[in-house]
Amino acid sequence: MLEPGMKIKTFSTTRVSDYLNWIREEGYHAKAYTNYIVVGDKIKKRFDKETLSKTMRTARKKKGITREQIAERMGVCKDTVRDWELGRRTPQLFNLERYCRITGITEEEIEQCKR
């Protein structure tokens, strides 16, 4: 089912991943199906992983909180928190908001982490 603002794009090659990766790199939501890709609205600004991870790590250390304590309070694995802080993964928005509340990161600091 198409959501509002989504369009169907067909393609002629079997390398769906090439098209899907390009569309996502251009900043659009996209889903691939057997012989078409559904392209949605442009994604709002993405986070720069390096800047975000450094901001998260610095704020946690300033508060004197360990990764284990953050993970326990958030209900996630400590390895997940480590991956966020090393820039290996970006937290989902709701987890980022929780992390910010715990460590005291402001909205302005998060905005500076966007591309």
N, C-alpha and C. Protein backbone atom coordinates (compact mmCIF):
# COMPACT_ATOMS: atom_id res chain seq x y z
N MET A 1 0.84 -1.19 0.00
CA MET A 1 0.00 0.00 0.00
C MET A 1 0.88 1.24 0.00
N LEU A 2 0.60 2.16 -0.90
CA LEU A 2 1.37 3.40 -0.97
C LEU A 2 0.92 4.38 0.09
N GLU A 3 1.90 4.98 0.72
CA GLU A 3 1.60 6.02 1.69
C GLU A 3 1.58 7.35 0.95
N PRO A 4 0.97 8.38 1.53
CA PRO A 4 0.95 9.68 0.87
C PRO A 4 2.36 10.15 0.54
N GLY A 5 2.53 10.68 -0.64
CA GLY A 5 3.82 11.21 -1.07
C GLY A 5 4.75 10.18 -1.68
N MET A 6 4.33 8.91 -1.74
CA MET A 6 5.20 7.88 -2.29
C MET A 6 4.91 7.67 -3.77
N LYS A 7 5.96 7.32 -4.52
CA LYS A 7 5.84 7.10 -5.95
C LYS A 7 6.48 5.76 -6.28
N ILE A 8 6.02 5.13 -7.33
CA ILE A 8 6.60 3.87 -7.77
C ILE A 8 7.61 4.16 -8.88
N LYS A 9 8.82 3.63 -8.74
CA LYS A 9 9.86 3.75 -9.75
C LYS A 9 10.19 2.35 -10.24
N THR A 10 10.09 2.13 -11.55
CA THR A 10 10.47 0.82 -12.09
C THR A 10 11.91 0.88 -12.58
N PHE A 11 12.54 -0.27 -12.75
CA PHE A 11 13.90 -0.31 -13.22
C PHE A 11 14.10 -1.53 -14.10
N SER A 12 15.15 -1.49 -14.91
CA SER A 12 15.32 -2.53 -15.92
C SER A 12 16.36 -3.58 -15.56
N THR A 13 17.16 -3.35 -14.59
CA THR A 13 18.21 -4.31 -14.23
C THR A 13 17.81 -5.12 -13.01
N THR A 14 18.51 -6.21 -12.79
CA THR A 14 18.18 -7.07 -11.64
C THR A 14 18.92 -6.64 -10.38
N ARG A 15 19.78 -5.63 -10.48
CA ARG A 15 20.54 -5.17 -9.32
C ARG A 15 19.77 -4.11 -8.56
N VAL A 16 18.76 -4.57 -7.86
CA VAL A 16 17.89 -3.67 -7.10
C VAL A 16 18.70 -2.88 -6.08
N SER A 17 19.68 -3.52 -5.47
CA SER A 17 20.46 -2.87 -4.41
C SER A 17 21.16 -1.60 -4.92
N ASP A 18 21.60 -1.60 -6.18
CA ASP A 18 22.24 -0.40 -6.73
C ASP A 18 21.27 0.78 -6.73
N TYR A 19 20.07 0.53 -7.21
CA TYR A 19 19.06 1.60 -7.24
C TYR A 19 18.67 2.02 -5.83
N LEU A 20 18.43 1.04 -4.97
CA LEU A 20 17.98 1.33 -3.61
C LEU A 20 19.04 2.12 -2.86
N ASN A 21 20.30 1.73 -2.97
CA ASN A 21 21.38 2.45 -2.30
C ASN A 21 21.48 3.88 -2.82
N TRP A 22 21.38 4.05 -4.14
CA TRP A 22 21.46 5.39 -4.71
C TRP A 22 20.32 6.27 -4.19
N ILE A 23 19.12 5.73 -4.19
CA ILE A 23 17.96 6.50 -3.72
C ILE A 23 18.15 6.91 -2.26
N ARG A 24 18.60 5.99 -1.44
CA ARG A 24 18.82 6.29 -0.02
C ARG A 24 19.95 7.30 0.17
N GLU A 25 21.00 7.18 -0.63
CA GLU A 25 22.10 8.15 -0.56
C GLU A 25 21.62 9.55 -0.93
N GLU A 26 20.65 9.62 -1.81
CA GLU A 26 20.08 10.90 -2.18
C GLU A 26 19.17 11.46 -1.08
N GLY A 27 18.92 10.65 -0.05
CA GLY A 27 18.17 11.13 1.10
C GLY A 27 16.69 10.85 1.08
N TYR A 28 16.25 9.82 0.37
CA TYR A 28 14.83 9.49 0.31
C TYR A 28 14.54 8.16 1.01
N HIS A 29 13.35 8.06 1.57
CA HIS A 29 12.88 6.78 2.10
C HIS A 29 12.58 5.90 0.89
N ALA A 30 12.92 4.62 0.96
CA ALA A 30 12.64 3.73 -0.17
C ALA A 30 12.49 2.30 0.31
N LYS A 31 11.62 1.55 -0.36
CA LYS A 31 11.44 0.13 -0.11
C LYS A 31 11.50 -0.59 -1.44
N ALA A 32 12.19 -1.72 -1.46
CA ALA A 32 12.32 -2.50 -2.70
C ALA A 32 11.39 -3.70 -2.67
N TYR A 33 10.78 -3.96 -3.81
CA TYR A 33 9.93 -5.13 -3.99
C TYR A 33 10.47 -5.92 -5.19
N THR A 34 9.78 -6.91 -5.65
CA THR A 34 10.28 -7.79 -6.71
C THR A 34 10.77 -7.05 -7.94
N ASN A 35 9.96 -6.19 -8.51
CA ASN A 35 10.40 -5.49 -9.72
C ASN A 35 10.11 -3.99 -9.70
N TYR A 36 10.02 -3.44 -8.52
CA TYR A 36 9.86 -1.99 -8.42
C TYR A 36 10.33 -1.51 -7.05
N ILE A 37 10.57 -0.22 -6.98
CA ILE A 37 10.98 0.42 -5.73
C ILE A 37 9.96 1.51 -5.42
N VAL A 38 9.52 1.55 -4.19
CA VAL A 38 8.62 2.60 -3.75
C VAL A 38 9.47 3.67 -3.08
N VAL A 39 9.39 4.89 -3.61
CA VAL A 39 10.19 6.00 -3.10
C VAL A 39 9.28 6.97 -2.37
N GLY A 40 9.67 7.31 -1.17
CA GLY A 40 8.86 8.21 -0.35
C GLY A 40 9.45 9.60 -0.27
N ASP A 41 8.99 10.33 0.71
CA ASP A 41 9.43 11.70 0.92
C ASP A 41 10.92 11.76 1.24
N LYS A 42 11.49 12.90 1.01
CA LYS A 42 12.90 13.11 1.34
C LYS A 42 13.06 13.03 2.85
N ILE A 43 14.08 12.34 3.27
CA ILE A 43 14.37 12.21 4.69
C ILE A 43 14.87 13.56 5.17
N LYS A 44 14.48 13.92 6.38
CA LYS A 44 15.01 15.14 6.95
C LYS A 44 16.51 14.95 7.13
N LYS A 45 17.20 15.95 7.54
CA LYS A 45 18.64 15.88 7.67
C LYS A 45 19.08 14.61 8.39
N ARG A 46 20.14 14.03 7.89
CA ARG A 46 20.72 12.85 8.54
C ARG A 46 21.79 13.29 9.52
N PHE A 47 22.07 12.39 10.45
CA PHE A 47 23.11 12.67 11.42
C PHE A 47 24.48 12.33 10.85
N ASP A 48 25.45 13.13 11.17
CA ASP A 48 26.83 12.81 10.90
C ASP A 48 27.27 11.89 12.04
N LYS A 49 27.50 10.63 11.73
CA LYS A 49 27.77 9.62 12.77
C LYS A 49 28.95 9.99 13.65
N GLU A 50 30.00 10.51 13.05
CA GLU A 50 31.20 10.84 13.83
C GLU A 50 30.92 11.95 14.85
N THR A 51 30.25 13.00 14.41
CA THR A 51 29.93 14.12 15.30
C THR A 51 28.95 13.68 16.39
N LEU A 52 27.93 12.93 15.99
CA LEU A 52 26.93 12.47 16.96
C LEU A 52 27.57 11.57 18.00
N SER A 53 28.38 10.62 17.56
CA SER A 53 28.99 9.69 18.51
C SER A 53 29.91 10.41 19.49
N LYS A 54 30.66 11.38 18.99
CA LYS A 54 31.55 12.15 19.87
C LYS A 54 30.75 12.96 20.88
N THR A 55 29.66 13.56 20.43
CA THR A 55 28.79 14.33 21.32
C THR A 55 28.21 13.44 22.42
N MET A 56 27.75 12.25 22.02
CA MET A 56 27.16 11.32 22.99
C MET A 56 28.20 10.87 24.01
N ARG A 57 29.36 10.48 23.53
CA ARG A 57 30.43 9.97 24.40
C ARG A 57 30.89 11.06 25.38
N THR A 58 31.08 12.27 24.88
CA THR A 58 31.54 13.38 25.71
C THR A 58 30.52 13.72 26.80
N ALA A 59 29.24 13.76 26.43
CA ALA A 59 28.19 14.09 27.41
C ALA A 59 28.10 13.04 28.50
N ARG A 60 28.21 11.78 28.11
CA ARG A 60 28.13 10.70 29.11
C ARG A 60 29.29 10.79 30.09
N LYS A 61 30.48 11.03 29.56
CA LYS A 61 31.67 11.12 30.43
C LYS A 61 31.59 12.32 31.35
N LYS A 62 31.06 13.45 30.85
CA LYS A 62 30.90 14.64 31.70
C LYS A 62 29.98 14.36 32.88
N LYS A 63 28.94 13.55 32.64
CA LYS A 63 27.99 13.19 33.70
C LYS A 63 28.55 12.13 34.64
N GLY A 64 29.65 11.49 34.23
CA GLY A 64 30.24 10.45 35.06
C GLY A 64 29.43 9.16 35.08
N ILE A 65 28.76 8.89 33.96
CA ILE A 65 27.92 7.70 33.84
C ILE A 65 28.64 6.69 32.95
N THR A 66 28.58 5.42 33.33
CA THR A 66 29.20 4.38 32.50
C THR A 66 28.25 3.95 31.39
N ARG A 67 28.79 3.28 30.40
CA ARG A 67 27.96 2.73 29.32
C ARG A 67 26.97 1.72 29.89
N GLU A 68 27.43 0.95 30.86
CA GLU A 68 26.57 -0.05 31.48
C GLU A 68 25.37 0.60 32.16
N GLN A 69 25.62 1.72 32.85
CA GLN A 69 24.52 2.42 33.53
C GLN A 69 23.51 2.98 32.52
N ILE A 70 24.03 3.54 31.42
CA ILE A 70 23.14 4.06 30.37
C ILE A 70 22.31 2.91 29.82
N ALA A 71 22.97 1.80 29.49
CA ALA A 71 22.28 0.66 28.90
C ALA A 71 21.20 0.14 29.84
N GLU A 72 21.51 0.05 31.11
CA GLU A 72 20.53 -0.44 32.09
C GLU A 72 19.33 0.49 32.19
N ARG A 73 19.58 1.78 32.23
CA ARG A 73 18.47 2.76 32.33
C ARG A 73 17.61 2.78 31.08
N MET A 74 18.23 2.49 29.92
CA MET A 74 17.49 2.54 28.66
C MET A 74 16.89 1.19 28.28
N GLY A 75 17.37 0.12 28.92
CA GLY A 75 16.88 -1.20 28.58
C GLY A 75 17.46 -1.74 27.28
N VAL A 76 18.71 -1.35 27.01
CA VAL A 76 19.41 -1.85 25.82
C VAL A 76 20.71 -2.52 26.28
N CYS A 77 21.35 -3.19 25.36
CA CYS A 77 22.61 -3.87 25.64
C CYS A 77 23.75 -2.84 25.71
N LYS A 78 24.72 -3.07 26.59
CA LYS A 78 25.85 -2.12 26.69
C LYS A 78 26.64 -2.06 25.39
N ASP A 79 26.64 -3.16 24.61
CA ASP A 79 27.31 -3.15 23.31
C ASP A 79 26.62 -2.21 22.33
N THR A 80 25.32 -2.06 22.48
CA THR A 80 24.57 -1.14 21.63
C THR A 80 25.01 0.29 21.91
N VAL A 81 25.11 0.63 23.20
CA VAL A 81 25.56 1.97 23.59
C VAL A 81 26.99 2.19 23.08
N ARG A 82 27.85 1.19 23.19
CA ARG A 82 29.22 1.30 22.70
C ARG A 82 29.22 1.58 21.19
N ASP A 83 28.38 0.85 20.45
CA ASP A 83 28.31 1.06 19.00
C ASP A 83 27.85 2.46 18.65
N TRP A 84 26.90 3.00 19.40
CA TRP A 84 26.45 4.38 19.18
C TRP A 84 27.60 5.35 19.40
N GLU A 85 28.31 5.15 20.50
CA GLU A 85 29.37 6.08 20.88
C GLU A 85 30.63 5.95 20.01
N LEU A 86 30.77 4.84 19.32
CA LEU A 86 31.91 4.67 18.42
C LEU A 86 31.53 4.99 16.97
N GLY A 87 30.27 5.34 16.73
CA GLY A 87 29.82 5.70 15.40
C GLY A 87 29.57 4.52 14.49
N ARG A 88 29.48 3.33 15.06
CA ARG A 88 29.21 2.14 14.25
C ARG A 88 27.75 2.05 13.86
N ARG A 89 26.89 2.57 14.74
CA ARG A 89 25.44 2.59 14.49
C ARG A 89 24.88 3.91 14.98
N THR A 90 23.75 4.30 14.41
CA THR A 90 23.05 5.50 14.87
C THR A 90 21.80 5.05 15.61
N PRO A 91 21.57 5.59 16.80
CA PRO A 91 20.37 5.17 17.53
C PRO A 91 19.10 5.64 16.84
N GLN A 92 18.03 4.86 17.03
CA GLN A 92 16.73 5.31 16.54
C GLN A 92 16.37 6.56 17.33
N LEU A 93 15.51 7.38 16.75
CA LEU A 93 15.19 8.68 17.34
C LEU A 93 14.71 8.57 18.79
N PHE A 94 13.83 7.60 19.08
CA PHE A 94 13.33 7.51 20.45
C PHE A 94 14.44 7.14 21.42
N ASN A 95 15.41 6.32 21.00
CA ASN A 95 16.54 6.00 21.87
C ASN A 95 17.48 7.18 22.01
N LEU A 96 17.65 7.95 20.95
CA LEU A 96 18.49 9.14 21.04
C LEU A 96 17.89 10.14 22.02
N GLU A 97 16.58 10.31 21.96
CA GLU A 97 15.91 11.23 22.89
C GLU A 97 16.10 10.78 24.33
N ARG A 98 16.00 9.50 24.59
CA ARG A 98 16.19 8.96 25.94
C ARG A 98 17.64 9.16 26.39
N TYR A 99 18.57 8.89 25.50
CA TYR A 99 19.99 9.07 25.81
C TYR A 99 20.26 10.54 26.17
N CYS A 100 19.69 11.44 25.39
CA CYS A 100 19.89 12.87 25.64
C CYS A 100 19.33 13.30 27.00
N ARG A 101 18.17 12.78 27.36
CA ARG A 101 17.59 13.11 28.67
C ARG A 101 18.51 12.64 29.80
N ILE A 102 19.06 11.45 29.66
CA ILE A 102 19.90 10.89 30.70
C ILE A 102 21.22 11.66 30.82
N THR A 103 21.81 12.03 29.71
CA THR A 103 23.12 12.67 29.72
C THR A 103 23.09 14.20 29.69
N GLY A 104 21.92 14.77 29.44
CA GLY A 104 21.81 16.23 29.43
C GLY A 104 22.17 16.88 28.11
N ILE A 105 22.20 16.12 27.03
CA ILE A 105 22.48 16.70 25.71
C ILE A 105 21.28 17.55 25.29
N THR A 106 21.54 18.76 24.82
CA THR A 106 20.46 19.67 24.43
C THR A 106 20.07 19.47 22.97
N GLU A 107 18.91 20.00 22.61
CA GLU A 107 18.46 19.94 21.22
C GLU A 107 19.43 20.66 20.29
N GLU A 108 19.99 21.78 20.76
CA GLU A 108 20.94 22.54 19.95
C GLU A 108 22.18 21.70 19.64
N GLU A 109 22.66 20.94 20.63
CA GLU A 109 23.82 20.09 20.41
C GLU A 109 23.52 19.00 19.38
N ILE A 110 22.31 18.46 19.43
CA ILE A 110 21.90 17.43 18.47
C ILE A 110 21.78 18.03 17.07
N GLU A 111 21.23 19.22 16.96
CA GLU A 111 21.11 19.89 15.64
C GLU A 111 22.47 20.08 15.00
N GLN A 112 23.50 20.32 15.79
CA GLN A 112 24.85 20.51 15.25
C GLN A 112 25.43 19.21 14.71
N CYS A 113 24.81 18.09 15.06
CA CYS A 113 25.29 16.78 14.60
C CYS A 113 24.65 16.37 13.28
N LYS A 114 23.77 17.20 12.74
CA LYS A 114 23.11 16.87 11.48
C LYS A 114 23.90 17.43 10.32
N ARG A 115 23.82 16.72 9.19
CA ARG A 115 24.53 17.14 7.98
C ARG A 115 23.86 18.30 7.33
